[in-house]
Amino acid sequence: MNAGKGEENQGIQDPAMTVFVYVNTSKQVGDAEHVKVFATTDAAETWFEENDPKDVAFECEVLE
């Protein structure tokens, strides 16, 4: 439920938006392959299956 302009949210909060982050420590900072950010678990899992099945990403909250 989204509150309209000027209305209170009545105690209901939207869940925090999160992303999944992978850091390739074998790459230099600034390298295009150094950090990958995924919007969904499915996107991360698909990328890992195809590119780096032994590694993982960690979930981070997106700050506003």
PDB file of N, CA and C in Angstrom:
ATOM      1  N   MET A   1       0.849  -1.182   0.000  1.00  0.00           N
ATOM      2  CA  MET A   1       0.000   0.000   0.000  1.00  0.00           C
ATOM      3  C   MET A   1       0.888   1.236   0.000  1.00  0.00           C
ATOM      4  N   ASN A   2       0.746   2.082  -0.969  1.00  0.00           N
ATOM      5  CA  ASN A   2       1.500   3.331  -1.028  1.00  0.00           C
ATOM      6  C   ASN A   2       0.604   4.475  -0.608  1.00  0.00           C
ATOM      7  N   ALA A   3       1.114   5.301   0.274  1.00  0.00           N
ATOM      8  CA  ALA A   3       0.343   6.458   0.717  1.00  0.00           C
ATOM      9  C   ALA A   3       0.406   7.538  -0.346  1.00  0.00           C
ATOM     10  N   GLY A   4      -0.699   8.230  -0.527  1.00  0.00           N
ATOM     11  CA  GLY A   4      -0.731   9.338  -1.466  1.00  0.00           C
ATOM     12  C   GLY A   4      -0.001  10.532  -0.894  1.00  0.00           C
ATOM     13  N   LYS A   5       0.181  11.536  -1.711  1.00  0.00           N
ATOM     14  CA  LYS A   5       0.886  12.738  -1.276  1.00  0.00           C
ATOM     15  C   LYS A   5       0.149  13.360  -0.102  1.00  0.00           C
ATOM     16  N   GLY A   6       0.896  13.607   0.984  1.00  0.00           N
ATOM     17  CA  GLY A   6       0.297  14.222   2.152  1.00  0.00           C
ATOM     18  C   GLY A   6      -0.366  13.238   3.097  1.00  0.00           C
ATOM     19  N   GLU A   7      -0.478  11.975   2.729  1.00  0.00           N
ATOM     20  CA  GLU A   7      -1.074  10.970   3.596  1.00  0.00           C
ATOM     21  C   GLU A   7       0.012  10.247   4.369  1.00  0.00           C
ATOM     22  N   GLU A   8      -0.329   9.738   5.544  1.00  0.00           N
ATOM     23  CA  GLU A   8       0.611   8.940   6.313  1.00  0.00           C
ATOM     24  C   GLU A   8       0.547   7.501   5.829  1.00  0.00           C
ATOM     25  N   ASN A   9       1.614   6.783   6.025  1.00  0.00           N
ATOM     26  CA  ASN A   9       1.698   5.396   5.587  1.00  0.00           C
ATOM     27  C   ASN A   9       0.998   4.465   6.561  1.00  0.00           C
ATOM     28  N   GLN A  10       0.473   4.962   7.667  1.00  0.00           N
ATOM     29  CA  GLN A  10      -0.280   4.208   8.653  1.00  0.00           C
ATOM     30  C   GLN A  10       0.510   3.016   9.190  1.00  0.00           C
ATOM     31  N   GLY A  11       1.814   3.190   9.394  1.00  0.00           N
ATOM     32  CA  GLY A  11       2.626   2.147   9.998  1.00  0.00           C
ATOM     33  C   GLY A  11       3.060   1.036   9.070  1.00  0.00           C
ATOM     34  N   ILE A  12       2.627   1.062   7.821  1.00  0.00           N
ATOM     35  CA  ILE A  12       3.025   0.031   6.863  1.00  0.00           C
ATOM     36  C   ILE A  12       4.241   0.535   6.109  1.00  0.00           C
ATOM     37  N   GLN A  13       5.325  -0.242   6.160  1.00  0.00           N
ATOM     38  CA  GLN A  13       6.546   0.165   5.481  1.00  0.00           C
ATOM     39  C   GLN A  13       6.801  -0.746   4.291  1.00  0.00           C
ATOM     40  N   ASP A  14       7.297  -0.148   3.223  1.00  0.00           N
ATOM     41  CA  ASP A  14       7.713  -0.948   2.080  1.00  0.00           C
ATOM     42  C   ASP A  14       8.960  -1.721   2.479  1.00  0.00           C
ATOM     43  N   PRO A  15       9.102  -2.954   1.993  1.00  0.00           N
ATOM     44  CA  PRO A  15      10.327  -3.689   2.314  1.00  0.00           C
ATOM     45  C   PRO A  15      11.536  -2.970   1.719  1.00  0.00           C
ATOM     46  N   ALA A  16      12.660  -3.071   2.390  1.00  0.00           N
ATOM     47  CA  ALA A  16      13.880  -2.417   1.913  1.00  0.00           C
ATOM     48  C   ALA A  16      14.303  -3.032   0.587  1.00  0.00           C
ATOM     49  N   MET A  17      14.746  -2.187  -0.329  1.00  0.00           N
ATOM     50  CA  MET A  17      15.268  -2.672  -1.600  1.00  0.00           C
ATOM     51  C   MET A  17      16.686  -3.167  -1.370  1.00  0.00           C
ATOM     52  N   THR A  18      16.990  -4.334  -1.891  1.00  0.00           N
ATOM     53  CA  THR A  18      18.334  -4.877  -1.754  1.00  0.00           C
ATOM     54  C   THR A  18      18.888  -5.265  -3.116  1.00  0.00           C
ATOM     55  N   VAL A  19      20.194  -5.350  -3.187  1.00  0.00           N
ATOM     56  CA  VAL A  19      20.890  -5.839  -4.374  1.00  0.00           C
ATOM     57  C   VAL A  19      21.890  -6.887  -3.909  1.00  0.00           C
ATOM     58  N   PHE A  20      22.432  -7.625  -4.850  1.00  0.00           N
ATOM     59  CA  PHE A  20      23.424  -8.650  -4.554  1.00  0.00           C
ATOM     60  C   PHE A  20      24.730  -8.230  -5.214  1.00  0.00           C
ATOM     61  N   VAL A  21      25.797  -8.198  -4.431  1.00  0.00           N
ATOM     62  CA  VAL A  21      27.080  -7.670  -4.888  1.00  0.00           C
ATOM     63  C   VAL A  21      28.130  -8.777  -4.891  1.00  0.00           C
ATOM     64  N   TYR A  22      28.882  -8.840  -5.972  1.00  0.00           N
ATOM     65  CA  TYR A  22      30.005  -9.769  -6.114  1.00  0.00           C
ATOM     66  C   TYR A  22      31.261  -8.951  -6.378  1.00  0.00           C
ATOM     67  N   VAL A  23      32.327  -9.246  -5.654  1.00  0.00           N
ATOM     68  CA  VAL A  23      33.603  -8.562  -5.848  1.00  0.00           C
ATOM     69  C   VAL A  23      34.629  -9.599  -6.296  1.00  0.00           C
ATOM     70  N   ASN A  24      35.198  -9.373  -7.471  1.00  0.00           N
ATOM     71  CA  ASN A  24      36.245 -10.243  -8.002  1.00  0.00           C
ATOM     72  C   ASN A  24      37.579  -9.678  -7.524  1.00  0.00           C
ATOM     73  N   THR A  25      38.138 -10.288  -6.487  1.00  0.00           N
ATOM     74  CA  THR A  25      39.356  -9.754  -5.874  1.00  0.00           C
ATOM     75  C   THR A  25      40.597  -9.957  -6.732  1.00  0.00           C
ATOM     76  N   SER A  26      40.476 -10.720  -7.810  1.00  0.00           N
ATOM     77  CA  SER A  26      41.631 -10.891  -8.696  1.00  0.00           C
ATOM     78  C   SER A  26      41.747  -9.746  -9.702  1.00  0.00           C
ATOM     79  N   LYS A  27      40.736  -8.873  -9.740  1.00  0.00           N
ATOM     80  CA  LYS A  27      40.742  -7.721 -10.652  1.00  0.00           C
ATOM     81  C   LYS A  27      41.119  -6.453  -9.902  1.00  0.00           C
ATOM     82  N   GLN A  28      41.631  -5.487 -10.630  1.00  0.00           N
ATOM     83  CA  GLN A  28      41.998  -4.196 -10.057  1.00  0.00           C
ATOM     84  C   GLN A  28      40.749  -3.335  -9.840  1.00  0.00           C
ATOM     85  N   VAL A  29      40.782  -2.503  -8.811  1.00  0.00           N
ATOM     86  CA  VAL A  29      39.700  -1.542  -8.581  1.00  0.00           C
ATOM     87  C   VAL A  29      39.573  -0.673  -9.824  1.00  0.00           C
ATOM     88  N   GLY A  30      38.348  -0.501 -10.301  1.00  0.00           N
ATOM     89  CA  GLY A  30      38.108   0.285 -11.508  1.00  0.00           C
ATOM     90  C   GLY A  30      37.948  -0.566 -12.750  1.00  0.00           C
ATOM     91  N   ASP A  31      38.430  -1.807 -12.706  1.00  0.00           N
ATOM     92  CA  ASP A  31      38.257  -2.729 -13.828  1.00  0.00           C
ATOM     93  C   ASP A  31      36.767  -3.050 -13.965  1.00  0.00           C
ATOM     94  N   ALA A  32      36.286  -3.133 -15.175  1.00  0.00           N
ATOM     95  CA  ALA A  32      34.862  -3.407 -15.420  1.00  0.00           C
ATOM     96  C   ALA A  32      34.412  -4.729 -14.802  1.00  0.00           C
ATOM     97  N   GLU A  33      35.323  -5.656 -14.612  1.00  0.00           N
ATOM     98  CA  GLU A  33      34.984  -6.968 -14.053  1.00  0.00           C
ATOM     99  C   GLU A  33      35.221  -7.054 -12.543  1.00  0.00           C
ATOM    100  N   HIS A  34      35.613  -5.959 -11.905  1.00  0.00           N
ATOM    101  CA  HIS A  34      35.935  -5.982 -10.473  1.00  0.00           C
ATOM    102  C   HIS A  34      34.696  -6.175  -9.606  1.00  0.00           C
ATOM    103  N   VAL A  35      33.598  -5.484  -9.926  1.00  0.00           N
ATOM    104  CA  VAL A  35      32.373  -5.550  -9.127  1.00  0.00           C
ATOM    105  C   VAL A  35      31.190  -5.825 -10.038  1.00  0.00           C
ATOM    106  N   LYS A  36      30.322  -6.733  -9.602  1.00  0.00           N
ATOM    107  CA  LYS A  36      29.055  -6.998 -10.291  1.00  0.00           C
ATOM    108  C   LYS A  36      27.935  -6.745  -9.292  1.00  0.00           C
ATOM    109  N   VAL A  37      26.869  -6.081  -9.731  1.00  0.00           N
ATOM    110  CA  VAL A  37      25.710  -5.817  -8.889  1.00  0.00           C
ATOM    111  C   VAL A  37      24.492  -6.415  -9.577  1.00  0.00           C
ATOM    112  N   PHE A  38      23.756  -7.246  -8.838  1.00  0.00           N
ATOM    113  CA  PHE A  38      22.589  -7.936  -9.388  1.00  0.00           C
ATOM    114  C   PHE A  38      21.328  -7.467  -8.672  1.00  0.00           C
ATOM    115  N   ALA A  39      20.263  -7.246  -9.428  1.00  0.00           N
ATOM    116  CA  ALA A  39      19.008  -6.762  -8.858  1.00  0.00           C
ATOM    117  C   ALA A  39      18.209  -7.870  -8.181  1.00  0.00           C
ATOM    118  N   THR A  40      18.409  -9.120  -8.609  1.00  0.00           N
ATOM    119  CA  THR A  40      17.633 -10.229  -8.052  1.00  0.00           C
ATOM    120  C   THR A  40      18.526 -11.433  -7.775  1.00  0.00           C
ATOM    121  N   THR A  41      18.029 -12.310  -6.929  1.00  0.00           N
ATOM    122  CA  THR A  41      18.729 -13.561  -6.651  1.00  0.00           C
ATOM    123  C   THR A  41      18.863 -14.374  -7.930  1.00  0.00           C
ATOM    124  N   ASP A  42      17.800 -14.420  -8.724  1.00  0.00           N
ATOM    125  CA  ASP A  42      17.829 -15.186  -9.976  1.00  0.00           C
ATOM    126  C   ASP A  42      18.918 -14.684 -10.917  1.00  0.00           C
ATOM    127  N   ALA A  43      19.048 -13.368 -11.034  1.00  0.00           N
ATOM    128  CA  ALA A  43      20.080 -12.804 -11.909  1.00  0.00           C
ATOM    129  C   ALA A  43      21.469 -13.197 -11.423  1.00  0.00           C
ATOM    130  N   ALA A  44      21.685 -13.131 -10.120  1.00  0.00           N
ATOM    131  CA  ALA A  44      22.984 -13.506  -9.557  1.00  0.00           C
ATOM    132  C   ALA A  44      23.261 -14.990  -9.783  1.00  0.00           C
ATOM    133  N   GLU A  45      22.283 -15.839  -9.488  1.00  0.00           N
ATOM    134  CA  GLU A  45      22.477 -17.281  -9.644  1.00  0.00           C
ATOM    135  C   GLU A  45      22.770 -17.655 -11.091  1.00  0.00           C
ATOM    136  N   THR A  46      22.071 -17.040 -12.027  1.00  0.00           N
ATOM    137  CA  THR A  46      22.300 -17.317 -13.448  1.00  0.00           C
ATOM    138  C   THR A  46      23.715 -16.928 -13.847  1.00  0.00           C
ATOM    139  N   TRP A  47      24.157 -15.748 -13.414  1.00  0.00           N
ATOM    140  CA  TRP A  47      25.510 -15.299 -13.752  1.00  0.00           C
ATOM    141  C   TRP A  47      26.553 -16.239 -13.158  1.00  0.00           C
ATOM    142  N   PHE A  48      26.365 -16.635 -11.897  1.00  0.00           N
ATOM    143  CA  PHE A  48      27.333 -17.527 -11.256  1.00  0.00           C
ATOM    144  C   PHE A  48      27.390 -18.885 -11.933  1.00  0.00           C
ATOM    145  N   GLU A  49      26.249 -19.431 -12.307  1.00  0.00           N
ATOM    146  CA  GLU A  49      26.228 -20.728 -12.996  1.00  0.00           C
ATOM    147  C   GLU A  49      27.055 -20.677 -14.274  1.00  0.00           C
ATOM    148  N   GLU A  50      26.980 -19.554 -14.980  1.00  0.00           N
ATOM    149  CA  GLU A  50      27.666 -19.422 -16.267  1.00  0.00           C
ATOM    150  C   GLU A  50      29.109 -18.949 -16.147  1.00  0.00           C
ATOM    151  N   ASN A  51      29.471 -18.257 -15.061  1.00  0.00           N
ATOM    152  CA  ASN A  51      30.770 -17.593 -14.987  1.00  0.00           C
ATOM    153  C   ASN A  51      31.677 -17.997 -13.830  1.00  0.00           C
ATOM    154  N   ASP A  52      31.122 -18.240 -12.670  1.00  0.00           N
ATOM    155  CA  ASP A  52      31.960 -18.498 -11.495  1.00  0.00           C
ATOM    156  C   ASP A  52      31.164 -19.298 -10.463  1.00  0.00           C
ATOM    157  N   PRO A  53      30.896 -20.577 -10.747  1.00  0.00           N
ATOM    158  CA  PRO A  53      29.987 -21.358  -9.905  1.00  0.00           C
ATOM    159  C   PRO A  53      30.449 -21.584  -8.467  1.00  0.00           C
ATOM    160  N   LYS A  54      31.716 -21.348  -8.168  1.00  0.00           N
ATOM    161  CA  LYS A  54      32.208 -21.595  -6.810  1.00  0.00           C
ATOM    162  C   LYS A  54      32.185 -20.349  -5.925  1.00  0.00           C
ATOM    163  N   ASP A  55      31.828 -19.213  -6.466  1.00  0.00           N
ATOM    164  CA  ASP A  55      31.853 -17.973  -5.694  1.00  0.00           C
ATOM    165  C   ASP A  55      30.443 -17.560  -5.289  1.00  0.00           C
ATOM    166  N   VAL A  56      30.333 -16.490  -4.533  1.00  0.00           N
ATOM    167  CA  VAL A  56      29.040 -16.028  -4.023  1.00  0.00           C
ATOM    168  C   VAL A  56      28.951 -14.504  -4.085  1.00  0.00           C
ATOM    169  N   ALA A  57      27.723 -14.012  -3.946  1.00  0.00           N
ATOM    170  CA  ALA A  57      27.468 -12.575  -3.822  1.00  0.00           C
ATOM    171  C   ALA A  57      26.862 -12.344  -2.446  1.00  0.00           C
ATOM    172  N   PHE A  58      26.974 -11.135  -1.946  1.00  0.00           N
ATOM    173  CA  PHE A  58      26.347 -10.822  -0.672  1.00  0.00           C
ATOM    174  C   PHE A  58      25.258  -9.786  -0.890  1.00  0.00           C
ATOM    175  N   GLU A  59      24.229  -9.857  -0.047  1.00  0.00           N
ATOM    176  CA  GLU A  59      23.071  -8.977  -0.171  1.00  0.00           C
ATOM    177  C   GLU A  59      23.309  -7.683   0.600  1.00  0.00           C
ATOM    178  N   CYS A  60      22.987  -6.562  -0.045  1.00  0.00           N
ATOM    179  CA  CYS A  60      23.150  -5.241   0.580  1.00  0.00           C
ATOM    180  C   CYS A  60      21.878  -4.430   0.393  1.00  0.00           C
ATOM    181  N   GLU A  61      21.508  -3.698   1.426  1.00  0.00           N
ATOM    182  CA  GLU A  61      20.367  -2.802   1.332  1.00  0.00           C
ATOM    183  C   GLU A  61      20.756  -1.568   0.523  1.00  0.00           C
ATOM    184  N   VAL A  62      19.850  -1.124  -0.348  1.00  0.00           N
ATOM    185  CA  VAL A  62      20.065   0.099  -1.120  1.00  0.00           C
ATOM    186  C   VAL A  62      19.628   1.268  -0.248  1.00  0.00           C
ATOM    187  N   LEU A  63      20.533   2.205  -0.046  1.00  0.00           N
ATOM    188  CA  LEU A  63      20.238   3.361   0.798  1.00  0.00           C
ATOM    189  C   LEU A  63      19.666   4.495  -0.038  1.00  0.00           C
ATOM    190  N   GLU A  64      18.731   5.209   0.533  1.00  0.00           N
ATOM    191  CA  GLU A  64      18.121   6.338  -0.172  1.00  0.00           C
ATOM    192  C   GLU A  64      18.701   7.639   0.296  1.00  0.00           C
TER     193      GLU A  64
END
